[in-house]
Amino acid sequence: MLTRLDFLPTFRYEKFRTEYRRPGEAGVATLDETPIGVYLELEGAPRWIDRTARRLGFAESDYSTASYGGLYADYCRTHGLPVTHMTWGRPLGRRPS
């Protein structure tokens, strides 16, 4: 459908996501394993995110709102790799076991 509307794929990425929730709380913590590293995402109301981040030992200065596309482009520039698709089969490595 998107192709018929003249949308073209520009970036594809793969990740393995594990979601964690605390009973009675609306937020969710997700652990994303990607070809360029492991990332923790906290999704919820701002107060919940701040409180949960502190409980996990993170300061607000540790937060990032970068997209996976942006993170991947930075990784490739830093490591002298071409920016292609962030998939396990590309020059970055293999799937986690």
PDB file of N, CA and C in Angstrom:
ATOM      1  N   MET A   1       0.822  -1.171   0.000  1.00  0.00           N
ATOM      2  CA  MET A   1       0.000   0.000   0.000  1.00  0.00           C
ATOM      3  C   MET A   1       0.879   1.252   0.000  1.00  0.00           C
ATOM      4  N   LEU A   2       1.927   1.274   0.827  1.00  0.00           N
ATOM      5  CA  LEU A   2       2.768   2.464   0.881  1.00  0.00           C
ATOM      6  C   LEU A   2       3.475   2.716  -0.446  1.00  0.00           C
ATOM      7  N   THR A   3       3.951   1.663  -1.087  1.00  0.00           N
ATOM      8  CA  THR A   3       4.613   1.810  -2.382  1.00  0.00           C
ATOM      9  C   THR A   3       3.655   2.381  -3.413  1.00  0.00           C
ATOM     10  N   ARG A   4       2.402   1.919  -3.389  1.00  0.00           N
ATOM     11  CA  ARG A   4       1.404   2.448  -4.330  1.00  0.00           C
ATOM     12  C   ARG A   4       1.129   3.923  -4.107  1.00  0.00           C
ATOM     13  N   LEU A   5       1.409   4.404  -2.899  1.00  0.00           N
ATOM     14  CA  LEU A   5       1.245   5.828  -2.594  1.00  0.00           C
ATOM     15  C   LEU A   5       2.559   6.589  -2.769  1.00  0.00           C
ATOM     16  N   ASP A   6       3.512   5.960  -3.460  1.00  0.00           N
ATOM     17  CA  ASP A   6       4.822   6.552  -3.782  1.00  0.00           C
ATOM     18  C   ASP A   6       5.754   6.728  -2.585  1.00  0.00           C
ATOM     19  N   PHE A   7       5.528   5.988  -1.509  1.00  0.00           N
ATOM     20  CA  PHE A   7       6.488   5.960  -0.416  1.00  0.00           C
ATOM     21  C   PHE A   7       7.555   4.936  -0.768  1.00  0.00           C
ATOM     22  N   LEU A   8       8.805   5.268  -0.470  1.00  0.00           N
ATOM     23  CA  LEU A   8       9.910   4.354  -0.735  1.00  0.00           C
ATOM     24  C   LEU A   8      10.609   4.017   0.573  1.00  0.00           C
ATOM     25  N   PRO A   9      11.020   2.764   0.755  1.00  0.00           N
ATOM     26  CA  PRO A   9      11.756   2.432   1.990  1.00  0.00           C
ATOM     27  C   PRO A   9      13.112   3.132   1.987  1.00  0.00           C
ATOM     28  N   THR A  10      13.460   3.758   3.099  1.00  0.00           N
ATOM     29  CA  THR A  10      14.736   4.459   3.189  1.00  0.00           C
ATOM     30  C   THR A  10      15.643   3.897   4.280  1.00  0.00           C
ATOM     31  N   PHE A  11      15.067   3.311   5.310  1.00  0.00           N
ATOM     32  CA  PHE A  11      15.873   2.754   6.393  1.00  0.00           C
ATOM     33  C   PHE A  11      15.134   1.582   7.010  1.00  0.00           C
ATOM     34  N   ARG A  12      15.849   0.477   7.152  1.00  0.00           N
ATOM     35  CA  ARG A  12      15.285  -0.709   7.785  1.00  0.00           C
ATOM     36  C   ARG A  12      16.187  -1.078   8.942  1.00  0.00           C
ATOM     37  N   TYR A  13      15.576  -1.449  10.067  1.00  0.00           N
ATOM     38  CA  TYR A  13      16.393  -1.887  11.190  1.00  0.00           C
ATOM     39  C   TYR A  13      15.743  -3.074  11.881  1.00  0.00           C
ATOM     40  N   GLU A  14      16.593  -3.837  12.549  1.00  0.00           N
ATOM     41  CA  GLU A  14      16.133  -5.006  13.284  1.00  0.00           C
ATOM     42  C   GLU A  14      16.510  -4.839  14.748  1.00  0.00           C
ATOM     43  N   LYS A  15      15.649  -5.345  15.601  1.00  0.00           N
ATOM     44  CA  LYS A  15      15.937  -5.343  17.029  1.00  0.00           C
ATOM     45  C   LYS A  15      15.139  -6.458  17.686  1.00  0.00           C
ATOM     46  N   PHE A  16      15.617  -6.859  18.833  1.00  0.00           N
ATOM     47  CA  PHE A  16      14.883  -7.787  19.685  1.00  0.00           C
ATOM     48  C   PHE A  16      14.452  -6.979  20.890  1.00  0.00           C
ATOM     49  N   ARG A  17      13.156  -6.969  21.172  1.00  0.00           N
ATOM     50  CA  ARG A  17      12.621  -6.148  22.256  1.00  0.00           C
ATOM     51  C   ARG A  17      12.002  -7.034  23.327  1.00  0.00           C
ATOM     52  N   THR A  18      12.349  -6.725  24.569  1.00  0.00           N
ATOM     53  CA  THR A  18      11.717  -7.349  25.724  1.00  0.00           C
ATOM     54  C   THR A  18      11.056  -6.237  26.522  1.00  0.00           C
ATOM     55  N   GLU A  19       9.767  -6.396  26.822  1.00  0.00           N
ATOM     56  CA  GLU A  19       9.030  -5.380  27.573  1.00  0.00           C
ATOM     57  C   GLU A  19       8.893  -5.797  29.033  1.00  0.00           C
ATOM     58  N   TYR A  20       9.033  -4.815  29.905  1.00  0.00           N
ATOM     59  CA  TYR A  20       8.879  -5.033  31.344  1.00  0.00           C
ATOM     60  C   TYR A  20       7.858  -4.044  31.869  1.00  0.00           C
ATOM     61  N   ARG A  21       6.981  -4.530  32.740  1.00  0.00           N
ATOM     62  CA  ARG A  21       5.976  -3.671  33.371  1.00  0.00           C
ATOM     63  C   ARG A  21       5.929  -3.970  34.859  1.00  0.00           C
ATOM     64  N   ARG A  22       5.587  -2.955  35.630  1.00  0.00           N
ATOM     65  CA  ARG A  22       5.350  -3.142  37.061  1.00  0.00           C
ATOM     66  C   ARG A  22       3.838  -3.147  37.257  1.00  0.00           C
ATOM     67  N   PRO A  23       3.336  -4.123  37.985  1.00  0.00           N
ATOM     68  CA  PRO A  23       1.887  -4.179  38.217  1.00  0.00           C
ATOM     69  C   PRO A  23       1.374  -2.861  38.806  1.00  0.00           C
ATOM     70  N   GLY A  24       0.276  -2.394  38.245  1.00  0.00           N
ATOM     71  CA  GLY A  24      -0.361  -1.178  38.741  1.00  0.00           C
ATOM     72  C   GLY A  24       0.236   0.115  38.217  1.00  0.00           C
ATOM     73  N   GLU A  25       1.261   0.044  37.370  1.00  0.00           N
ATOM     74  CA  GLU A  25       1.862   1.254  36.810  1.00  0.00           C
ATOM     75  C   GLU A  25       1.588   1.315  35.316  1.00  0.00           C
ATOM     76  N   ALA A  26       1.434   2.529  34.783  1.00  0.00           N
ATOM     77  CA  ALA A  26       1.074   2.697  33.370  1.00  0.00           C
ATOM     78  C   ALA A  26       2.275   2.678  32.431  1.00  0.00           C
ATOM     79  N   GLY A  27       3.485   2.913  32.943  1.00  0.00           N
ATOM     80  CA  GLY A  27       4.660   2.978  32.081  1.00  0.00           C
ATOM     81  C   GLY A  27       5.198   1.597  31.737  1.00  0.00           C
ATOM     82  N   VAL A  28       6.069   1.590  30.735  1.00  0.00           N
ATOM     83  CA  VAL A  28       6.700   0.341  30.313  1.00  0.00           C
ATOM     84  C   VAL A  28       8.192   0.597  30.094  1.00  0.00           C
ATOM     85  N   ALA A  29       9.007  -0.365  30.527  1.00  0.00           N
ATOM     86  CA  ALA A  29      10.447  -0.326  30.269  1.00  0.00           C
ATOM     87  C   ALA A  29      10.717  -1.373  29.199  1.00  0.00           C
ATOM     88  N   THR A  30      11.411  -0.976  28.148  1.00  0.00           N
ATOM     89  CA  THR A  30      11.717  -1.920  27.079  1.00  0.00           C
ATOM     90  C   THR A  30      13.223  -2.009  26.914  1.00  0.00           C
ATOM     91  N   LEU A  31      13.701  -3.225  26.763  1.00  0.00           N
ATOM     92  CA  LEU A  31      15.114  -3.469  26.525  1.00  0.00           C
ATOM     93  C   LEU A  31      15.250  -3.889  25.063  1.00  0.00           C
ATOM     94  N   ASP A  32      15.936  -3.069  24.280  1.00  0.00           N
ATOM     95  CA  ASP A  32      16.106  -3.320  22.848  1.00  0.00           C
ATOM     96  C   ASP A  32      17.536  -3.759  22.566  1.00  0.00           C
ATOM     97  N   GLU A  33      17.687  -4.955  22.010  1.00  0.00           N
ATOM     98  CA  GLU A  33      18.988  -5.441  21.562  1.00  0.00           C
ATOM     99  C   GLU A  33      19.069  -5.166  20.068  1.00  0.00           C
ATOM    100  N   THR A  34      20.062  -4.377  19.659  1.00  0.00           N
ATOM    101  CA  THR A  34      20.221  -3.986  18.263  1.00  0.00           C
ATOM    102  C   THR A  34      21.624  -4.366  17.792  1.00  0.00           C
ATOM    103  N   PRO A  35      21.862  -4.317  16.500  1.00  0.00           N
ATOM    104  CA  PRO A  35      23.217  -4.595  16.008  1.00  0.00           C
ATOM    105  C   PRO A  35      24.274  -3.610  16.510  1.00  0.00           C
ATOM    106  N   ILE A  36      23.872  -2.445  17.015  1.00  0.00           N
ATOM    107  CA  ILE A  36      24.852  -1.465  17.491  1.00  0.00           C
ATOM    108  C   ILE A  36      24.883  -1.338  19.006  1.00  0.00           C
ATOM    109  N   GLY A  37      24.119  -2.140  19.717  1.00  0.00           N
ATOM    110  CA  GLY A  37      24.141  -2.098  21.170  1.00  0.00           C
ATOM    111  C   GLY A  37      22.779  -2.365  21.776  1.00  0.00           C
ATOM    112  N   VAL A  38      22.753  -2.312  23.089  1.00  0.00           N
ATOM    113  CA  VAL A  38      21.531  -2.570  23.847  1.00  0.00           C
ATOM    114  C   VAL A  38      21.054  -1.245  24.431  1.00  0.00           C
ATOM    115  N   TYR A  39      19.764  -0.975  24.279  1.00  0.00           N
ATOM    116  CA  TYR A  39      19.181   0.288  24.714  1.00  0.00           C
ATOM    117  C   TYR A  39      17.985   0.036  25.606  1.00  0.00           C
ATOM    118  N   LEU A  40      17.852   0.866  26.629  1.00  0.00           N
ATOM    119  CA  LEU A  40      16.697   0.823  27.520  1.00  0.00           C
ATOM    120  C   LEU A  40      15.799   1.998  27.172  1.00  0.00           C
ATOM    121  N   GLU A  41      14.542   1.717  26.897  1.00  0.00           N
ATOM    122  CA  GLU A  41      13.572   2.773  26.643  1.00  0.00           C
ATOM    123  C   GLU A  41      12.548   2.774  27.765  1.00  0.00           C
ATOM    124  N   LEU A  42      12.255   3.950  28.263  1.00  0.00           N
ATOM    125  CA  LEU A  42      11.196   4.118  29.246  1.00  0.00           C
ATOM    126  C   LEU A  42      10.091   4.898  28.578  1.00  0.00           C
ATOM    127  N   GLU A  43       8.913   4.306  28.545  1.00  0.00           N
ATOM    128  CA  GLU A  43       7.779   4.932  27.869  1.00  0.00           C
ATOM    129  C   GLU A  43       6.644   5.106  28.858  1.00  0.00           C
ATOM    130  N   GLY A  44       6.197   6.341  29.011  1.00  0.00           N
ATOM    131  CA  GLY A  44       5.117   6.626  29.942  1.00  0.00           C
ATOM    132  C   GLY A  44       5.039   8.112  30.198  1.00  0.00           C
ATOM    133  N   ALA A  45       4.323   8.473  31.233  1.00  0.00           N
ATOM    134  CA  ALA A  45       4.199   9.879  31.614  1.00  0.00           C
ATOM    135  C   ALA A  45       5.566  10.398  32.068  1.00  0.00           C
ATOM    136  N   PRO A  46       5.848  11.683  31.828  1.00  0.00           N
ATOM    137  CA  PRO A  46       7.154  12.229  32.213  1.00  0.00           C
ATOM    138  C   PRO A  46       7.548  11.962  33.666  1.00  0.00           C
ATOM    139  N   ARG A  47       6.621  12.101  34.597  1.00  0.00           N
ATOM    140  CA  ARG A  47       6.937  11.841  36.021  1.00  0.00           C
ATOM    141  C   ARG A  47       7.320  10.389  36.225  1.00  0.00           C
ATOM    142  N   TRP A  48       6.609   9.471  35.558  1.00  0.00           N
ATOM    143  CA  TRP A  48       6.939   8.050  35.687  1.00  0.00           C
ATOM    144  C   TRP A  48       8.332   7.774  35.123  1.00  0.00           C
ATOM    145  N   ILE A  49       8.632   8.359  33.960  1.00  0.00           N
ATOM    146  CA  ILE A  49       9.949   8.163  33.342  1.00  0.00           C
ATOM    147  C   ILE A  49      11.047   8.661  34.280  1.00  0.00           C
ATOM    148  N   ASP A  50      10.913   9.874  34.798  1.00  0.00           N
ATOM    149  CA  ASP A  50      11.938  10.438  35.683  1.00  0.00           C
ATOM    150  C   ASP A  50      12.122   9.588  36.940  1.00  0.00           C
ATOM    151  N   ARG A  51      11.032   9.195  37.556  1.00  0.00           N
ATOM    152  CA  ARG A  51      11.094   8.393  38.785  1.00  0.00           C
ATOM    153  C   ARG A  51      11.740   7.038  38.510  1.00  0.00           C
ATOM    154  N   THR A  52      11.341   6.399  37.414  1.00  0.00           N
ATOM    155  CA  THR A  52      11.885   5.080  37.082  1.00  0.00           C
ATOM    156  C   THR A  52      13.360   5.177  36.708  1.00  0.00           C
ATOM    157  N   ALA A  53      13.719   6.197  35.956  1.00  0.00           N
ATOM    158  CA  ALA A  53      15.125   6.385  35.587  1.00  0.00           C
ATOM    159  C   ALA A  53      15.991   6.545  36.834  1.00  0.00           C
ATOM    160  N   ARG A  54      15.529   7.348  37.789  1.00  0.00           N
ATOM    161  CA  ARG A  54      16.285   7.518  39.044  1.00  0.00           C
ATOM    162  C   ARG A  54      16.431   6.200  39.776  1.00  0.00           C
ATOM    163  N   ARG A  55      15.343   5.412  39.842  1.00  0.00           N
ATOM    164  CA  ARG A  55      15.400   4.108  40.523  1.00  0.00           C
ATOM    165  C   ARG A  55      16.397   3.170  39.853  1.00  0.00           C
ATOM    166  N   LEU A  56      16.592   3.348  38.547  1.00  0.00           N
ATOM    167  CA  LEU A  56      17.537   2.517  37.801  1.00  0.00           C
ATOM    168  C   LEU A  56      18.965   3.081  37.810  1.00  0.00           C
ATOM    169  N   GLY A  57      19.141   4.232  38.460  1.00  0.00           N
ATOM    170  CA  GLY A  57      20.475   4.811  38.581  1.00  0.00           C
ATOM    171  C   GLY A  57      20.856   5.782  37.478  1.00  0.00           C
ATOM    172  N   PHE A  58      19.879   6.246  36.687  1.00  0.00           N
ATOM    173  CA  PHE A  58      20.158   7.182  35.601  1.00  0.00           C
ATOM    174  C   PHE A  58      19.796   8.606  36.014  1.00  0.00           C
ATOM    175  N   ALA A  59      20.573   9.543  35.514  1.00  0.00           N
ATOM    176  CA  ALA A  59      20.288  10.962  35.692  1.00  0.00           C
ATOM    177  C   ALA A  59      19.637  11.477  34.414  1.00  0.00           C
ATOM    178  N   GLU A  60      18.980  12.619  34.506  1.00  0.00           N
ATOM    179  CA  GLU A  60      18.327  13.189  33.327  1.00  0.00           C
ATOM    180  C   GLU A  60      19.341  13.455  32.208  1.00  0.00           C
ATOM    181  N   SER A  61      20.589  13.717  32.568  1.00  0.00           N
ATOM    182  CA  SER A  61      21.634  13.947  31.562  1.00  0.00           C
ATOM    183  C   SER A  61      21.957  12.679  30.759  1.00  0.00           C
ATOM    184  N   ASP A  62      21.516  11.514  31.252  1.00  0.00           N
ATOM    185  CA  ASP A  62      21.715  10.253  30.526  1.00  0.00           C
ATOM    186  C   ASP A  62      20.651  10.032  29.460  1.00  0.00           C
ATOM    187  N   TYR A  63      19.568  10.790  29.490  1.00  0.00           N
ATOM    188  CA  TYR A  63      18.456  10.588  28.565  1.00  0.00           C
ATOM    189  C   TYR A  63      18.873  10.909  27.135  1.00  0.00           C
ATOM    190  N   SER A  64      18.251  10.217  26.207  1.00  0.00           N
ATOM    191  CA  SER A  64      18.430  10.518  24.789  1.00  0.00           C
ATOM    192  C   SER A  64      17.087  10.360  24.097  1.00  0.00           C
ATOM    193  N   THR A  65      16.812  11.245  23.176  1.00  0.00           N
ATOM    194  CA  THR A  65      15.595  11.120  22.372  1.00  0.00           C
ATOM    195  C   THR A  65      15.945  10.809  20.923  1.00  0.00           C
ATOM    196  N   ALA A  66      17.184  10.390  20.684  1.00  0.00           N
ATOM    197  CA  ALA A  66      17.632  10.078  19.321  1.00  0.00           C
ATOM    198  C   ALA A  66      16.868   8.875  18.772  1.00  0.00           C
ATOM    199  N   SER A  67      16.629   8.899  17.484  1.00  0.00           N
ATOM    200  CA  SER A  67      15.986   7.763  16.815  1.00  0.00           C
ATOM    201  C   SER A  67      17.033   6.694  16.536  1.00  0.00           C
ATOM    202  N   TYR A  68      16.564   5.482  16.237  1.00  0.00           N
ATOM    203  CA  TYR A  68      17.519   4.432  15.865  1.00  0.00           C
ATOM    204  C   TYR A  68      18.242   4.792  14.578  1.00  0.00           C
ATOM    205  N   GLY A  69      17.591   5.483  13.678  1.00  0.00           N
ATOM    206  CA  GLY A  69      18.256   5.926  12.459  1.00  0.00           C
ATOM    207  C   GLY A  69      19.414   6.863  12.771  1.00  0.00           C
ATOM    208  N   GLY A  70      19.185   7.809  13.668  1.00  0.00           N
ATOM    209  CA  GLY A  70      20.230   8.745  14.071  1.00  0.00           C
ATOM    210  C   GLY A  70      21.360   8.064  14.826  1.00  0.00           C
ATOM    211  N   LEU A  71      20.999   7.166  15.749  1.00  0.00           N
ATOM    212  CA  LEU A  71      22.018   6.421  16.491  1.00  0.00           C
ATOM    213  C   LEU A  71      22.884   5.588  15.550  1.00  0.00           C
ATOM    214  N   TYR A  72      22.231   4.953  14.582  1.00  0.00           N
ATOM    215  CA  TYR A  72      22.959   4.114  13.635  1.00  0.00           C
ATOM    216  C   TYR A  72      23.884   4.952  12.752  1.00  0.00           C
ATOM    217  N   ALA A  73      23.410   6.085  12.260  1.00  0.00           N
ATOM    218  CA  ALA A  73      24.245   6.950  11.422  1.00  0.00           C
ATOM    219  C   ALA A  73      25.462   7.426  12.204  1.00  0.00           C
ATOM    220  N   ASP A  74      25.279   7.817  13.472  1.00  0.00           N
ATOM    221  CA  ASP A  74      26.408   8.227  14.309  1.00  0.00           C
ATOM    222  C   ASP A  74      27.390   7.073  14.503  1.00  0.00           C
ATOM    223  N   TYR A  75      26.857   5.879  14.763  1.00  0.00           N
ATOM    224  CA  TYR A  75      27.703   4.693  14.947  1.00  0.00           C
ATOM    225  C   TYR A  75      28.542   4.452  13.695  1.00  0.00           C
ATOM    226  N   CYS A  76      27.911   4.498  12.537  1.00  0.00           N
ATOM    227  CA  CYS A  76      28.627   4.247  11.280  1.00  0.00           C
ATOM    228  C   CYS A  76      29.713   5.295  11.047  1.00  0.00           C
ATOM    229  N   ARG A  77      29.398   6.562  11.288  1.00  0.00           N
ATOM    230  CA  ARG A  77      30.405   7.616  11.118  1.00  0.00           C
ATOM    231  C   ARG A  77      31.584   7.385  12.062  1.00  0.00           C
ATOM    232  N   THR A  78      31.303   7.066  13.308  1.00  0.00           N
ATOM    233  CA  THR A  78      32.354   6.840  14.302  1.00  0.00           C
ATOM    234  C   THR A  78      33.250   5.666  13.933  1.00  0.00           C
ATOM    235  N   HIS A  79      32.661   4.620  13.342  1.00  0.00           N
ATOM    236  CA  HIS A  79      33.408   3.395  13.023  1.00  0.00           C
ATOM    237  C   HIS A  79      33.831   3.304  11.559  1.00  0.00           C
ATOM    238  N   GLY A  80      33.633   4.363  10.803  1.00  0.00           N
ATOM    239  CA  GLY A  80      34.049   4.371   9.404  1.00  0.00           C
ATOM    240  C   GLY A  80      33.305   3.376   8.531  1.00  0.00           C
ATOM    241  N   LEU A  81      32.032   3.168   8.832  1.00  0.00           N
ATOM    242  CA  LEU A  81      31.203   2.220   8.080  1.00  0.00           C
ATOM    243  C   LEU A  81      30.208   2.974   7.205  1.00  0.00           C
ATOM    244  N   PRO A  82      29.813   2.376   6.092  1.00  0.00           N
ATOM    245  CA  PRO A  82      28.776   3.013   5.281  1.00  0.00           C
ATOM    246  C   PRO A  82      27.423   2.941   5.994  1.00  0.00           C
ATOM    247  N   VAL A  83      26.634   3.966   5.837  1.00  0.00           N
ATOM    248  CA  VAL A  83      25.289   3.973   6.429  1.00  0.00           C
ATOM    249  C   VAL A  83      24.367   3.231   5.472  1.00  0.00           C
ATOM    250  N   THR A  84      23.909   2.068   5.888  1.00  0.00           N
ATOM    251  CA  THR A  84      22.994   1.267   5.073  1.00  0.00           C
ATOM    252  C   THR A  84      21.752   0.997   5.904  1.00  0.00           C
ATOM    253  N   HIS A  85      21.419  -0.257   6.079  1.00  0.00           N
ATOM    254  CA  HIS A  85      20.320  -0.656   6.954  1.00  0.00           C
ATOM    255  C   HIS A  85      20.906  -1.282   8.206  1.00  0.00           C
ATOM    256  N   MET A  86      20.289  -1.056   9.352  1.00  0.00           N
ATOM    257  CA  MET A  86      20.778  -1.589  10.622  1.00  0.00           C
ATOM    258  C   MET A  86      20.182  -2.985  10.838  1.00  0.00           C
ATOM    259  N   THR A  87      20.792  -3.949  10.206  1.00  0.00           N
ATOM    260  CA  THR A  87      20.316  -5.327  10.317  1.00  0.00           C
ATOM    261  C   THR A  87      21.463  -6.210  10.771  1.00  0.00           C
ATOM    262  N   TRP A  88      21.124  -7.359  11.317  1.00  0.00           N
ATOM    263  CA  TRP A  88      22.136  -8.267  11.853  1.00  0.00           C
ATOM    264  C   TRP A  88      23.076  -8.763  10.768  1.00  0.00           C
ATOM    265  N   GLY A  89      22.663  -8.863   9.536  1.00  0.00           N
ATOM    266  CA  GLY A  89      23.502  -9.389   8.474  1.00  0.00           C
ATOM    267  C   GLY A  89      24.468  -8.379   7.887  1.00  0.00           C
ATOM    268  N   ARG A  90      24.375  -7.135   8.265  1.00  0.00           N
ATOM    269  CA  ARG A  90      25.265  -6.095   7.741  1.00  0.00           C
ATOM    270  C   ARG A  90      26.601  -6.164   8.459  1.00  0.00           C
ATOM    271  N   PRO A  91      27.524  -5.249   8.189  1.00  0.00           N
ATOM    272  CA  PRO A  91      28.887  -5.417   8.691  1.00  0.00           C
ATOM    273  C   PRO A  91      29.045  -5.356  10.203  1.00  0.00           C
ATOM    274  N   LEU A  92      27.956  -5.233  10.937  1.00  0.00           N
ATOM    275  CA  LEU A  92      28.078  -5.023  12.374  1.00  0.00           C
ATOM    276  C   LEU A  92      28.128  -6.286  13.206  1.00  0.00           C
ATOM    277  N   GLY A  93      27.718  -7.411  12.683  1.00  0.00           N
ATOM    278  CA  GLY A  93      27.805  -8.592  13.541  1.00  0.00           C
ATOM    279  C   GLY A  93      26.662  -9.551  13.382  1.00  0.00           C
ATOM    280  N   ARG A  94      26.457 -10.326  14.417  1.00  0.00           N
ATOM    281  CA  ARG A  94      25.482 -11.390  14.380  1.00  0.00           C
ATOM    282  C   ARG A  94      24.407 -11.186  15.425  1.00  0.00           C
ATOM    283  N   ARG A  95      23.383 -11.986  15.325  1.00  0.00           N
ATOM    284  CA  ARG A  95      22.287 -11.914  16.286  1.00  0.00           C
ATOM    285  C   ARG A  95      22.771 -12.291  17.675  1.00  0.00           C
ATOM    286  N   PRO A  96      22.183 -11.712  18.701  1.00  0.00           N
ATOM    287  CA  PRO A  96      22.545 -12.139  20.059  1.00  0.00           C
ATOM    288  C   PRO A  96      22.057 -13.569  20.301  1.00  0.00           C
ATOM    289  N   SER A  97      22.792 -14.290  21.133  1.00  0.00           N
ATOM    290  CA  SER A  97      22.357 -15.676  21.413  1.00  0.00           C
ATOM    291  C   SER A  97      21.407 -15.728  22.579  1.00  0.00           C
TER     292      SER A  97
END
